[in-house]
């Protein structure tokens, strides 16, 4: 997965919008005004931060060397995911989906 594929996947989510509130190096995706993903455009390899259930975050970090506590984020609730080929595109999409679902949870009436 490259930055264009990641962007296309995120922006296709219902209500998703993209912005650069932290400068031109960090692409941010929000839904209902809340961040669900941040991607560093200058990182090689590409990496992104995604929200995660705290227990699941610990499990993922123990299982995958490419999933770390969220850089510059609440490390209990956010993971940094390094796209280095160790995770499949489906696993990466699942992490994006989980983050999106956490942010939109409880918004529906």
PDB file of N, CA and C in Angstrom:
ATOM      1  N   UNK A   1       0.853  -1.173   0.000  1.00  0.00           N
ATOM      2  CA  UNK A   1       0.000   0.000   0.000  1.00  0.00           C
ATOM      3  C   UNK A   1       0.901   1.239   0.000  1.00  0.00           C
ATOM      4  N   UNK A   2       0.608   2.158  -0.896  1.00  0.00           N
ATOM      5  CA  UNK A   2       1.351   3.414  -0.942  1.00  0.00           C
ATOM      6  C   UNK A   2       0.443   4.544  -0.467  1.00  0.00           C
ATOM      7  N   UNK A   3       0.952   5.765  -0.450  1.00  0.00           N
ATOM      8  CA  UNK A   3       0.192   6.893   0.085  1.00  0.00           C
ATOM      9  C   UNK A   3      -1.081   7.153  -0.726  1.00  0.00           C
ATOM     10  N   UNK A   4      -1.037   6.963  -2.023  1.00  0.00           N
ATOM     11  CA  UNK A   4      -2.234   7.190  -2.837  1.00  0.00           C
ATOM     12  C   UNK A   4      -3.323   6.160  -2.519  1.00  0.00           C
ATOM     13  N   UNK A   5      -2.932   4.914  -2.363  1.00  0.00           N
ATOM     14  CA  UNK A   5      -3.907   3.876  -2.014  1.00  0.00           C
ATOM     15  C   UNK A   5      -4.481   4.121  -0.624  1.00  0.00           C
ATOM     16  N   UNK A   6      -3.620   4.514   0.311  1.00  0.00           N
ATOM     17  CA  UNK A   6      -4.083   4.821   1.662  1.00  0.00           C
ATOM     18  C   UNK A   6      -5.049   5.996   1.629  1.00  0.00           C
ATOM     19  N   UNK A   7      -4.691   7.051   0.909  1.00  0.00           N
ATOM     20  CA  UNK A   7      -5.559   8.223   0.799  1.00  0.00           C
ATOM     21  C   UNK A   7      -6.893   7.856   0.181  1.00  0.00           C
ATOM     22  N   UNK A   8      -6.875   7.135  -0.915  1.00  0.00           N
ATOM     23  CA  UNK A   8      -8.113   6.739  -1.593  1.00  0.00           C
ATOM     24  C   UNK A   8      -9.013   5.929  -0.666  1.00  0.00           C
ATOM     25  N   UNK A   9      -8.413   5.043   0.116  1.00  0.00           N
ATOM     26  CA  UNK A   9      -9.197   4.200   1.014  1.00  0.00           C
ATOM     27  C   UNK A   9      -9.830   5.040   2.125  1.00  0.00           C
ATOM     28  N   UNK A  10      -9.052   5.945   2.698  1.00  0.00           N
ATOM     29  CA  UNK A  10      -9.562   6.781   3.796  1.00  0.00           C
ATOM     30  C   UNK A  10     -10.633   7.749   3.328  1.00  0.00           C
ATOM     31  N   UNK A  11     -10.393   8.419   2.222  1.00  0.00           N
ATOM     32  CA  UNK A  11     -11.323   9.451   1.758  1.00  0.00           C
ATOM     33  C   UNK A  11     -12.641   8.850   1.270  1.00  0.00           C
ATOM     34  N   UNK A  12     -12.636   7.563   0.953  1.00  0.00           N
ATOM     35  CA  UNK A  12     -13.861   6.890   0.506  1.00  0.00           C
ATOM     36  C   UNK A  12     -14.804   6.564   1.671  1.00  0.00           C
ATOM     37  N   UNK A  13     -14.317   6.696   2.896  1.00  0.00           N
ATOM     38  CA  UNK A  13     -15.170   6.424   4.057  1.00  0.00           C
ATOM     39  C   UNK A  13     -16.273   7.481   4.139  1.00  0.00           C
ATOM     40  N   UNK A  14     -17.483   7.082   4.505  1.00  0.00           N
ATOM     41  CA  UNK A  14     -18.584   8.050   4.618  1.00  0.00           C
ATOM     42  C   UNK A  14     -18.245   9.197   5.576  1.00  0.00           C
ATOM     43  N   UNK A  15     -18.381  10.412   5.090  1.00  0.00           N
ATOM     44  CA  UNK A  15     -18.141  11.602   5.904  1.00  0.00           C
ATOM     45  C   UNK A  15     -16.688  11.977   6.096  1.00  0.00           C
ATOM     46  N   UNK A  16     -15.767  11.223   5.508  1.00  0.00           N
ATOM     47  CA  UNK A  16     -14.339  11.496   5.700  1.00  0.00           C
ATOM     48  C   UNK A  16     -13.917  12.752   4.951  1.00  0.00           C
ATOM     49  N   UNK A  17     -13.013  13.480   5.567  1.00  0.00           N
ATOM     50  CA  UNK A  17     -12.406  14.645   4.923  1.00  0.00           C
ATOM     51  C   UNK A  17     -10.925  14.632   5.226  1.00  0.00           C
ATOM     52  N   UNK A  18     -10.146  15.253   4.355  1.00  0.00           N
ATOM     53  CA  UNK A  18      -8.706  15.312   4.560  1.00  0.00           C
ATOM     54  C   UNK A  18      -8.287  16.761   4.771  1.00  0.00           C
ATOM     55  N   UNK A  19      -7.217  16.934   5.549  1.00  0.00           N
ATOM     56  CA  UNK A  19      -6.710  18.278   5.802  1.00  0.00           C
ATOM     57  C   UNK A  19      -5.248  18.181   6.243  1.00  0.00           C
ATOM     58  N   UNK A  20      -4.633  19.347   6.421  1.00  0.00           N
ATOM     59  CA  UNK A  20      -3.236  19.427   6.833  1.00  0.00           C
ATOM     60  C   UNK A  20      -3.101  20.383   8.023  1.00  0.00           C
ATOM     61  N   UNK A  21      -3.763  20.100   9.161  1.00  0.00           N
ATOM     62  CA  UNK A  21      -3.725  21.036  10.289  1.00  0.00           C
ATOM     63  C   UNK A  21      -2.363  21.127  10.987  1.00  0.00           C
ATOM     64  N   UNK A  22      -1.491  20.161  10.772  1.00  0.00           N
ATOM     65  CA  UNK A  22      -0.194  20.137  11.436  1.00  0.00           C
ATOM     66  C   UNK A  22       0.956  20.457  10.481  1.00  0.00           C
ATOM     67  N   UNK A  23       0.639  21.003   9.322  1.00  0.00           N
ATOM     68  CA  UNK A  23       1.652  21.347   8.333  1.00  0.00           C
ATOM     69  C   UNK A  23       1.601  20.420   7.133  1.00  0.00           C
ATOM     70  N   UNK A  24       2.370  20.748   6.099  1.00  0.00           N
ATOM     71  CA  UNK A  24       2.288  20.024   4.824  1.00  0.00           C
ATOM     72  C   UNK A  24       2.851  18.602   4.840  1.00  0.00           C
ATOM     73  N   UNK A  25       3.513  18.208   5.926  1.00  0.00           N
ATOM     74  CA  UNK A  25       4.106  16.873   5.988  1.00  0.00           C
ATOM     75  C   UNK A  25       3.171  15.824   6.568  1.00  0.00           C
ATOM     76  N   UNK A  26       2.045  16.257   7.157  1.00  0.00           N
ATOM     77  CA  UNK A  26       1.158  15.311   7.838  1.00  0.00           C
ATOM     78  C   UNK A  26      -0.255  15.399   7.270  1.00  0.00           C
ATOM     79  N   UNK A  27      -0.648  14.365   6.555  1.00  0.00           N
ATOM     80  CA  UNK A  27      -1.991  14.269   5.988  1.00  0.00           C
ATOM     81  C   UNK A  27      -2.909  13.691   7.058  1.00  0.00           C
ATOM     82  N   UNK A  28      -4.011  14.398   7.329  1.00  0.00           N
ATOM     83  CA  UNK A  28      -4.931  14.019   8.393  1.00  0.00           C
ATOM     84  C   UNK A  28      -6.300  13.713   7.803  1.00  0.00           C
ATOM     85  N   UNK A  29      -6.903  12.634   8.291  1.00  0.00           N
ATOM     86  CA  UNK A  29      -8.262  12.275   7.887  1.00  0.00           C
ATOM     87  C   UNK A  29      -9.164  12.360   9.101  1.00  0.00           C
ATOM     88  N   UNK A  30     -10.294  13.036   8.927  1.00  0.00           N
ATOM     89  CA  UNK A  30     -11.257  13.228  10.004  1.00  0.00           C
ATOM     90  C   UNK A  30     -12.633  12.778   9.558  1.00  0.00           C
ATOM     91  N   UNK A  31     -13.452  12.460  10.548  1.00  0.00           N
ATOM     92  CA  UNK A  31     -14.870  12.224  10.322  1.00  0.00           C
ATOM     93  C   UNK A  31     -15.587  12.880  11.496  1.00  0.00           C
ATOM     94  N   UNK A  32     -16.633  13.630  11.212  1.00  0.00           N
ATOM     95  CA  UNK A  32     -17.358  14.377  12.250  1.00  0.00           C
ATOM     96  C   UNK A  32     -16.402  15.248  13.069  1.00  0.00           C
ATOM     97  N   UNK A  33     -15.373  15.787  12.409  1.00  0.00           N
ATOM     98  CA  UNK A  33     -14.429  16.668  13.075  1.00  0.00           C
ATOM     99  C   UNK A  33     -13.401  15.976  13.946  1.00  0.00           C
ATOM    100  N   UNK A  34     -13.414  14.645  13.979  1.00  0.00           N
ATOM    101  CA  UNK A  34     -12.467  13.893  14.803  1.00  0.00           C
ATOM    102  C   UNK A  34     -11.487  13.125  13.920  1.00  0.00           C
ATOM    103  N   UNK A  35     -10.243  13.131  14.325  1.00  0.00           N
ATOM    104  CA  UNK A  35      -9.181  12.456  13.569  1.00  0.00           C
ATOM    105  C   UNK A  35      -9.314  10.947  13.707  1.00  0.00           C
ATOM    106  N   UNK A  36      -9.232  10.258  12.556  1.00  0.00           N
ATOM    107  CA  UNK A  36      -9.148   8.799  12.618  1.00  0.00           C
ATOM    108  C   UNK A  36      -7.853   8.267  12.021  1.00  0.00           C
ATOM    109  N   UNK A  37      -7.099   9.122  11.305  1.00  0.00           N
ATOM    110  CA  UNK A  37      -5.826   8.666  10.759  1.00  0.00           C
ATOM    111  C   UNK A  37      -4.940   9.856  10.426  1.00  0.00           C
ATOM    112  N   UNK A  38      -3.652   9.719  10.709  1.00  0.00           N
ATOM    113  CA  UNK A  38      -2.652  10.697  10.324  1.00  0.00           C
ATOM    114  C   UNK A  38      -1.570   9.949   9.558  1.00  0.00           C
ATOM    115  N   UNK A  39      -1.121  10.506   8.461  1.00  0.00           N
ATOM    116  CA  UNK A  39      -0.057   9.870   7.676  1.00  0.00           C
ATOM    117  C   UNK A  39       1.095  10.849   7.489  1.00  0.00           C
ATOM    118  N   UNK A  40       2.287  10.387   7.777  1.00  0.00           N
ATOM    119  CA  UNK A  40       3.480  11.193   7.584  1.00  0.00           C
ATOM    120  C   UNK A  40       3.928  11.072   6.127  1.00  0.00           C
ATOM    121  N   UNK A  41       3.916  12.188   5.416  1.00  0.00           N
ATOM    122  CA  UNK A  41       4.255  12.162   3.988  1.00  0.00           C
ATOM    123  C   UNK A  41       5.758  12.101   3.751  1.00  0.00           C
ATOM    124  N   UNK A  42       6.553  12.383   4.764  1.00  0.00           N
ATOM    125  CA  UNK A  42       8.016  12.379   4.605  1.00  0.00           C
ATOM    126  C   UNK A  42       8.673  11.095   5.084  1.00  0.00           C
ATOM    127  N   UNK A  43       7.923  10.193   5.662  1.00  0.00           N
ATOM    128  CA  UNK A  43       8.509   8.970   6.211  1.00  0.00           C
ATOM    129  C   UNK A  43       8.788   7.941   5.126  1.00  0.00           C
ATOM    130  N   UNK A  44       9.949   7.334   5.236  1.00  0.00           N
ATOM    131  CA  UNK A  44      10.317   6.218   4.374  1.00  0.00           C
ATOM    132  C   UNK A  44      10.774   5.087   5.276  1.00  0.00           C
ATOM    133  N   UNK A  45      10.066   3.980   5.363  1.00  0.00           N
ATOM    134  CA  UNK A  45       8.833   3.690   4.634  1.00  0.00           C
ATOM    135  C   UNK A  45       7.643   4.497   5.178  1.00  0.00           C
ATOM    136  N   UNK A  46       6.584   4.514   4.400  1.00  0.00           N
ATOM    137  CA  UNK A  46       5.364   5.202   4.775  1.00  0.00           C
ATOM    138  C   UNK A  46       4.866   4.679   6.120  1.00  0.00           C
ATOM    139  N   UNK A  47       4.332   5.577   6.941  1.00  0.00           N
ATOM    140  CA  UNK A  47       3.729   5.159   8.204  1.00  0.00           C
ATOM    141  C   UNK A  47       2.526   6.039   8.504  1.00  0.00           C
ATOM    142  N   UNK A  48       1.619   5.485   9.290  1.00  0.00           N
ATOM    143  CA  UNK A  48       0.448   6.252   9.692  1.00  0.00           C
ATOM    144  C   UNK A  48       0.090   5.940  11.136  1.00  0.00           C
ATOM    145  N   UNK A  49      -0.626   6.863  11.752  1.00  0.00           N
ATOM    146  CA  UNK A  49      -1.160   6.667  13.096  1.00  0.00           C
ATOM    147  C   UNK A  49      -2.650   6.404  12.978  1.00  0.00           C
ATOM    148  N   UNK A  50      -3.117   5.386  13.695  1.00  0.00           N
ATOM    149  CA  UNK A  50      -4.535   5.031  13.691  1.00  0.00           C
ATOM    150  C   UNK A  50      -4.990   4.751  15.120  1.00  0.00           C
ATOM    151  N   UNK A  51      -6.211   5.155  15.409  1.00  0.00           N
ATOM    152  CA  UNK A  51      -6.792   4.909  16.719  1.00  0.00           C
ATOM    153  C   UNK A  51      -7.039   3.410  16.884  1.00  0.00           C
ATOM    154  N   UNK A  52      -6.953   2.924  18.120  1.00  0.00           N
ATOM    155  CA  UNK A  52      -7.119   1.492  18.355  1.00  0.00           C
ATOM    156  C   UNK A  52      -7.642   1.259  19.767  1.00  0.00           C
ATOM    157  N   UNK A  53      -8.473   0.262  19.913  1.00  0.00           N
ATOM    158  CA  UNK A  53      -8.919  -0.179  21.225  1.00  0.00           C
ATOM    159  C   UNK A  53      -7.671  -0.511  22.048  1.00  0.00           C
ATOM    160  N   UNK A  54      -7.587  -0.046  23.308  1.00  0.00           N
ATOM    161  CA  UNK A  54      -6.364  -0.240  24.103  1.00  0.00           C
ATOM    162  C   UNK A  54      -5.890  -1.688  24.221  1.00  0.00           C
ATOM    163  N   UNK A  55      -6.795  -2.628  24.451  1.00  0.00           N
ATOM    164  CA  UNK A  55      -6.381  -4.030  24.567  1.00  0.00           C
ATOM    165  C   UNK A  55      -5.892  -4.578  23.228  1.00  0.00           C
ATOM    166  N   UNK A  56      -6.594  -4.229  22.171  1.00  0.00           N
ATOM    167  CA  UNK A  56      -6.191  -4.672  20.842  1.00  0.00           C
ATOM    168  C   UNK A  56      -4.845  -4.048  20.460  1.00  0.00           C
ATOM    169  N   UNK A  57      -4.625  -2.798  20.866  1.00  0.00           N
ATOM    170  CA  UNK A  57      -3.362  -2.119  20.560  1.00  0.00           C
ATOM    171  C   UNK A  57      -2.183  -2.889  21.135  1.00  0.00           C
ATOM    172  N   UNK A  58      -2.312  -3.322  22.370  1.00  0.00           N
ATOM    173  CA  UNK A  58      -1.240  -4.089  23.014  1.00  0.00           C
ATOM    174  C   UNK A  58      -1.001  -5.401  22.269  1.00  0.00           C
ATOM    175  N   UNK A  59      -2.077  -6.102  21.938  1.00  0.00           N
ATOM    176  CA  UNK A  59      -1.948  -7.376  21.210  1.00  0.00           C
ATOM    177  C   UNK A  59      -1.236  -7.179  19.872  1.00  0.00           C
ATOM    178  N   UNK A  60      -1.635  -6.145  19.131  1.00  0.00           N
ATOM    179  CA  UNK A  60      -1.031  -5.895  17.817  1.00  0.00           C
ATOM    180  C   UNK A  60       0.450  -5.556  17.938  1.00  0.00           C
ATOM    181  N   UNK A  61       0.805  -4.770  18.946  1.00  0.00           N
ATOM    182  CA  UNK A  61       2.212  -4.395  19.150  1.00  0.00           C
ATOM    183  C   UNK A  61       3.065  -5.606  19.509  1.00  0.00           C
ATOM    184  N   UNK A  62       2.478  -6.530  20.255  1.00  0.00           N
ATOM    185  CA  UNK A  62       3.215  -7.744  20.618  1.00  0.00           C
ATOM    186  C   UNK A  62       3.368  -8.680  19.430  1.00  0.00           C
ATOM    187  N   UNK A  63       2.397  -8.654  18.532  1.00  0.00           N
ATOM    188  CA  UNK A  63       2.382  -9.571  17.399  1.00  0.00           C
ATOM    189  C   UNK A  63       3.196  -9.066  16.204  1.00  0.00           C
ATOM    190  N   UNK A  64       3.246  -7.747  15.999  1.00  0.00           N
ATOM    191  CA  UNK A  64       3.884  -7.185  14.794  1.00  0.00           C
ATOM    192  C   UNK A  64       4.914  -6.125  15.157  1.00  0.00           C
ATOM    193  N   UNK A  65       6.125  -6.298  14.669  1.00  0.00           N
ATOM    194  CA  UNK A  65       7.192  -5.320  14.903  1.00  0.00           C
ATOM    195  C   UNK A  65       6.906  -3.990  14.207  1.00  0.00           C
ATOM    196  N   UNK A  66       6.043  -3.996  13.193  1.00  0.00           N
ATOM    197  CA  UNK A  66       5.738  -2.782  12.438  1.00  0.00           C
ATOM    198  C   UNK A  66       4.581  -1.981  13.035  1.00  0.00           C
ATOM    199  N   UNK A  67       4.065  -2.408  14.191  1.00  0.00           N
ATOM    200  CA  UNK A  67       3.024  -1.658  14.894  1.00  0.00           C
ATOM    201  C   UNK A  67       3.597  -1.238  16.242  1.00  0.00           C
ATOM    202  N   UNK A  68       3.678   0.079  16.424  1.00  0.00           N
ATOM    203  CA  UNK A  68       4.313   0.671  17.597  1.00  0.00           C
ATOM    204  C   UNK A  68       3.331   1.590  18.329  1.00  0.00           C
ATOM    205  N   UNK A  69       3.633   1.961  19.571  1.00  0.00           N
ATOM    206  CA  UNK A  69       2.793   2.968  20.235  1.00  0.00           C
ATOM    207  C   UNK A  69       2.770   4.244  19.394  1.00  0.00           C
ATOM    208  N   UNK A  70       1.634   4.915  19.373  1.00  0.00           N
ATOM    209  CA  UNK A  70       1.447   6.085  18.513  1.00  0.00           C
ATOM    210  C   UNK A  70       2.441   7.198  18.761  1.00  0.00           C
ATOM    211  N   UNK A  71       3.166   7.559  17.730  1.00  0.00           N
ATOM    212  CA  UNK A  71       4.158   8.630  17.782  1.00  0.00           C
ATOM    213  C   UNK A  71       3.449   9.970  17.973  1.00  0.00           C
ATOM    214  N   UNK A  72       3.819  10.698  19.012  1.00  0.00           N
ATOM    215  CA  UNK A  72       3.218  11.999  19.356  1.00  0.00           C
ATOM    216  C   UNK A  72       1.720  11.914  19.628  1.00  0.00           C
ATOM    217  N   UNK A  73       1.246  10.755  20.069  1.00  0.00           N
ATOM    218  CA  UNK A  73      -0.180  10.558  20.335  1.00  0.00           C
ATOM    219  C   UNK A  73      -0.331   9.888  21.701  1.00  0.00           C
ATOM    220  N   UNK A  74      -1.565   9.761  22.158  1.00  0.00           N
ATOM    221  CA  UNK A  74      -1.855   9.000  23.368  1.00  0.00           C
ATOM    222  C   UNK A  74      -1.523   7.541  23.069  1.00  0.00           C
ATOM    223  N   UNK A  75      -0.477   7.039  23.659  1.00  0.00           N
ATOM    224  CA  UNK A  75       0.033   5.705  23.318  1.00  0.00           C
ATOM    225  C   UNK A  75      -0.895   4.580  23.739  1.00  0.00           C
ATOM    226  N   UNK A  76      -1.847   4.883  24.593  1.00  0.00           N
ATOM    227  CA  UNK A  76      -2.828   3.876  24.984  1.00  0.00           C
ATOM    228  C   UNK A  76      -3.864   3.673  23.868  1.00  0.00           C
ATOM    229  N   UNK A  77      -4.173   4.739  23.151  1.00  0.00           N
ATOM    230  CA  UNK A  77      -5.274   4.716  22.174  1.00  0.00           C
ATOM    231  C   UNK A  77      -4.842   4.764  20.706  1.00  0.00           C
ATOM    232  N   UNK A  78      -3.563   5.004  20.447  1.00  0.00           N
ATOM    233  CA  UNK A  78      -3.097   5.171  19.070  1.00  0.00           C
ATOM    234  C   UNK A  78      -1.896   4.284  18.784  1.00  0.00           C
ATOM    235  N   UNK A  79      -1.854   3.753  17.572  1.00  0.00           N
ATOM    236  CA  UNK A  79      -0.710   2.994  17.084  1.00  0.00           C
ATOM    237  C   UNK A  79      -0.086   3.716  15.906  1.00  0.00           C
ATOM    238  N   UNK A  80       1.215   3.592  15.786  1.00  0.00           N
ATOM    239  CA  UNK A  80       1.909   3.970  14.568  1.00  0.00           C
ATOM    240  C   UNK A  80       2.141   2.679  13.787  1.00  0.00           C
ATOM    241  N   UNK A  81       1.708   2.680  12.541  1.00  0.00           N
ATOM    242  CA  UNK A  81       1.827   1.499  11.684  1.00  0.00           C
ATOM    243  C   UNK A  81       2.823   1.814  10.577  1.00  0.00           C
ATOM    244  N   UNK A  82       3.880   1.033  10.516  1.00  0.00           N
ATOM    245  CA  UNK A  82       4.906   1.212   9.494  1.00  0.00           C
ATOM    246  C   UNK A  82       4.583   0.276   8.337  1.00  0.00           C
ATOM    247  N   UNK A  83       4.437   0.854   7.150  1.00  0.00           N
ATOM    248  CA  UNK A  83       4.096   0.060   5.963  1.00  0.00           C
ATOM    249  C   UNK A  83       5.409  -0.403   5.337  1.00  0.00           C
ATOM    250  N   UNK A  84       5.878  -1.553   5.820  1.00  0.00           N
ATOM    251  CA  UNK A  84       7.164  -2.092   5.373  1.00  0.00           C
ATOM    252  C   UNK A  84       7.026  -3.438   4.664  1.00  0.00           C
ATOM    253  N   UNK A  85       5.789  -3.831   4.367  1.00  0.00           N
ATOM    254  CA  UNK A  85       5.553  -5.099   3.683  1.00  0.00           C
ATOM    255  C   UNK A  85       5.263  -6.251   4.624  1.00  0.00           C
ATOM    256  N   UNK A  86       5.397  -6.044   5.935  1.00  0.00           N
ATOM    257  CA  UNK A  86       5.147  -7.138   6.875  1.00  0.00           C
ATOM    258  C   UNK A  86       3.655  -7.356   7.133  1.00  0.00           C
ATOM    259  N   UNK A  87       2.839  -6.354   6.834  1.00  0.00           N
ATOM    260  CA  UNK A  87       1.386  -6.478   6.954  1.00  0.00           C
ATOM    261  C   UNK A  87       0.772  -6.446   5.561  1.00  0.00           C
ATOM    262  N   UNK A  88      -0.238  -7.263   5.357  1.00  0.00           N
ATOM    263  CA  UNK A  88      -0.904  -7.289   4.045  1.00  0.00           C
ATOM    264  C   UNK A  88      -1.748  -6.033   3.858  1.00  0.00           C
ATOM    265  N   UNK A  89      -2.123  -5.763   2.631  1.00  0.00           N
ATOM    266  CA  UNK A  89      -3.011  -4.632   2.348  1.00  0.00           C
ATOM    267  C   UNK A  89      -4.321  -4.789   3.101  1.00  0.00           C
ATOM    268  N   UNK A  90      -4.815  -6.017   3.224  1.00  0.00           N
ATOM    269  CA  UNK A  90      -6.063  -6.243   3.954  1.00  0.00           C
ATOM    270  C   UNK A  90      -5.889  -5.923   5.437  1.00  0.00           C
ATOM    271  N   UNK A  91      -4.770  -6.316   6.011  1.00  0.00           N
ATOM    272  CA  UNK A  91      -4.526  -6.000   7.419  1.00  0.00           C
ATOM    273  C   UNK A  91      -4.448  -4.490   7.626  1.00  0.00           C
ATOM    274  N   UNK A  92      -3.819  -3.781   6.703  1.00  0.00           N
ATOM    275  CA  UNK A  92      -3.737  -2.324   6.790  1.00  0.00           C
ATOM    276  C   UNK A  92      -5.126  -1.701   6.683  1.00  0.00           C
ATOM    277  N   UNK A  93      -5.934  -2.193   5.757  1.00  0.00           N
ATOM    278  CA  UNK A  93      -7.312  -1.690   5.625  1.00  0.00           C
ATOM    279  C   UNK A  93      -8.111  -1.975   6.892  1.00  0.00           C
ATOM    280  N   UNK A  94      -7.894  -3.137   7.493  1.00  0.00           N
ATOM    281  CA  UNK A  94      -8.595  -3.482   8.738  1.00  0.00           C
ATOM    282  C   UNK A  94      -8.231  -2.503   9.860  1.00  0.00           C
ATOM    283  N   UNK A  95      -6.971  -2.090   9.929  1.00  0.00           N
ATOM    284  CA  UNK A  95      -6.547  -1.127  10.942  1.00  0.00           C
ATOM    285  C   UNK A  95      -7.200   0.235  10.713  1.00  0.00           C
ATOM    286  N   UNK A  96      -7.295   0.641   9.453  1.00  0.00           N
ATOM    287  CA  UNK A  96      -7.978   1.895   9.107  1.00  0.00           C
ATOM    288  C   UNK A  96      -9.454   1.785   9.473  1.00  0.00           C
ATOM    289  N   UNK A  97     -10.080   0.668   9.115  1.00  0.00           N
ATOM    290  CA  UNK A  97     -11.506   0.463   9.415  1.00  0.00           C
ATOM    291  C   UNK A  97     -11.764   0.525  10.921  1.00  0.00           C
ATOM    292  N   UNK A  98     -10.907  -0.128  11.697  1.00  0.00           N
ATOM    293  CA  UNK A  98     -11.067  -0.148  13.150  1.00  0.00           C
ATOM    294  C   UNK A  98     -10.990   1.272  13.718  1.00  0.00           C
ATOM    295  N   UNK A  99     -10.030   2.047  13.255  1.00  0.00           N
ATOM    296  CA  UNK A  99      -9.876   3.417  13.716  1.00  0.00           C
ATOM    297  C   UNK A  99     -11.113   4.250  13.363  1.00  0.00           C
ATOM    298  N   UNK A 100     -11.550   4.137  12.128  1.00  0.00           N
ATOM    299  CA  UNK A 100     -12.742   4.861  11.668  1.00  0.00           C
ATOM    300  C   UNK A 100     -13.961   4.491  12.512  1.00  0.00           C
ATOM    301  N   UNK A 101     -14.129   3.195  12.762  1.00  0.00           N
ATOM    302  CA  UNK A 101     -15.280   2.718  13.539  1.00  0.00           C
ATOM    303  C   UNK A 101     -15.228   3.234  14.983  1.00  0.00           C
ATOM    304  N   UNK A 102     -14.051   3.292  15.578  1.00  0.00           N
ATOM    305  CA  UNK A 102     -13.926   3.818  16.936  1.00  0.00           C
ATOM    306  C   UNK A 102     -14.352   5.280  16.995  1.00  0.00           C
ATOM    307  N   UNK A 103     -13.963   6.050  15.989  1.00  0.00           N
ATOM    308  CA  UNK A 103     -14.279   7.475  15.969  1.00  0.00           C
ATOM    309  C   UNK A 103     -15.764   7.708  15.692  1.00  0.00           C
ATOM    310  N   UNK A 104     -16.367   6.883  14.854  1.00  0.00           N
ATOM    311  CA  UNK A 104     -17.784   7.083  14.512  1.00  0.00           C
ATOM    312  C   UNK A 104     -18.731   6.360  15.462  1.00  0.00           C
ATOM    313  N   UNK A 105     -18.212   5.521  16.329  1.00  0.00           N
ATOM    314  CA  UNK A 105     -19.034   4.753  17.267  1.00  0.00           C
ATOM    315  C   UNK A 105     -19.856   5.703  18.125  1.00  0.00           C
ATOM    316  N   UNK A 106     -21.124   5.405  18.232  1.00  0.00           N
ATOM    317  CA  UNK A 106     -22.003   6.214  19.057  1.00  0.00           C
ATOM    318  C   UNK A 106     -22.536   7.455  18.376  1.00  0.00           C
ATOM    319  N   UNK A 107     -22.087   7.727  17.143  1.00  0.00           N
ATOM    320  CA  UNK A 107     -22.558   8.910  16.422  1.00  0.00           C
ATOM    321  C   UNK A 107     -23.927   8.689  15.783  1.00  0.00           C
ATOM    322  N   UNK A 108     -24.223   7.413  15.483  1.00  0.00           N
ATOM    323  CA  UNK A 108     -25.494   7.103  14.816  1.00  0.00           C
ATOM    324  C   UNK A 108     -26.625   7.055  15.820  1.00  0.00           C
ATOM    325  N   UNK A 109     -27.752   7.571  15.398  1.00  0.00           N
ATOM    326  CA  UNK A 109     -28.922   7.586  16.277  1.00  0.00           C
ATOM    327  C   UNK A 109     -29.862   6.453  15.947  1.00  0.00           C
TER     328      UNK A 109
END
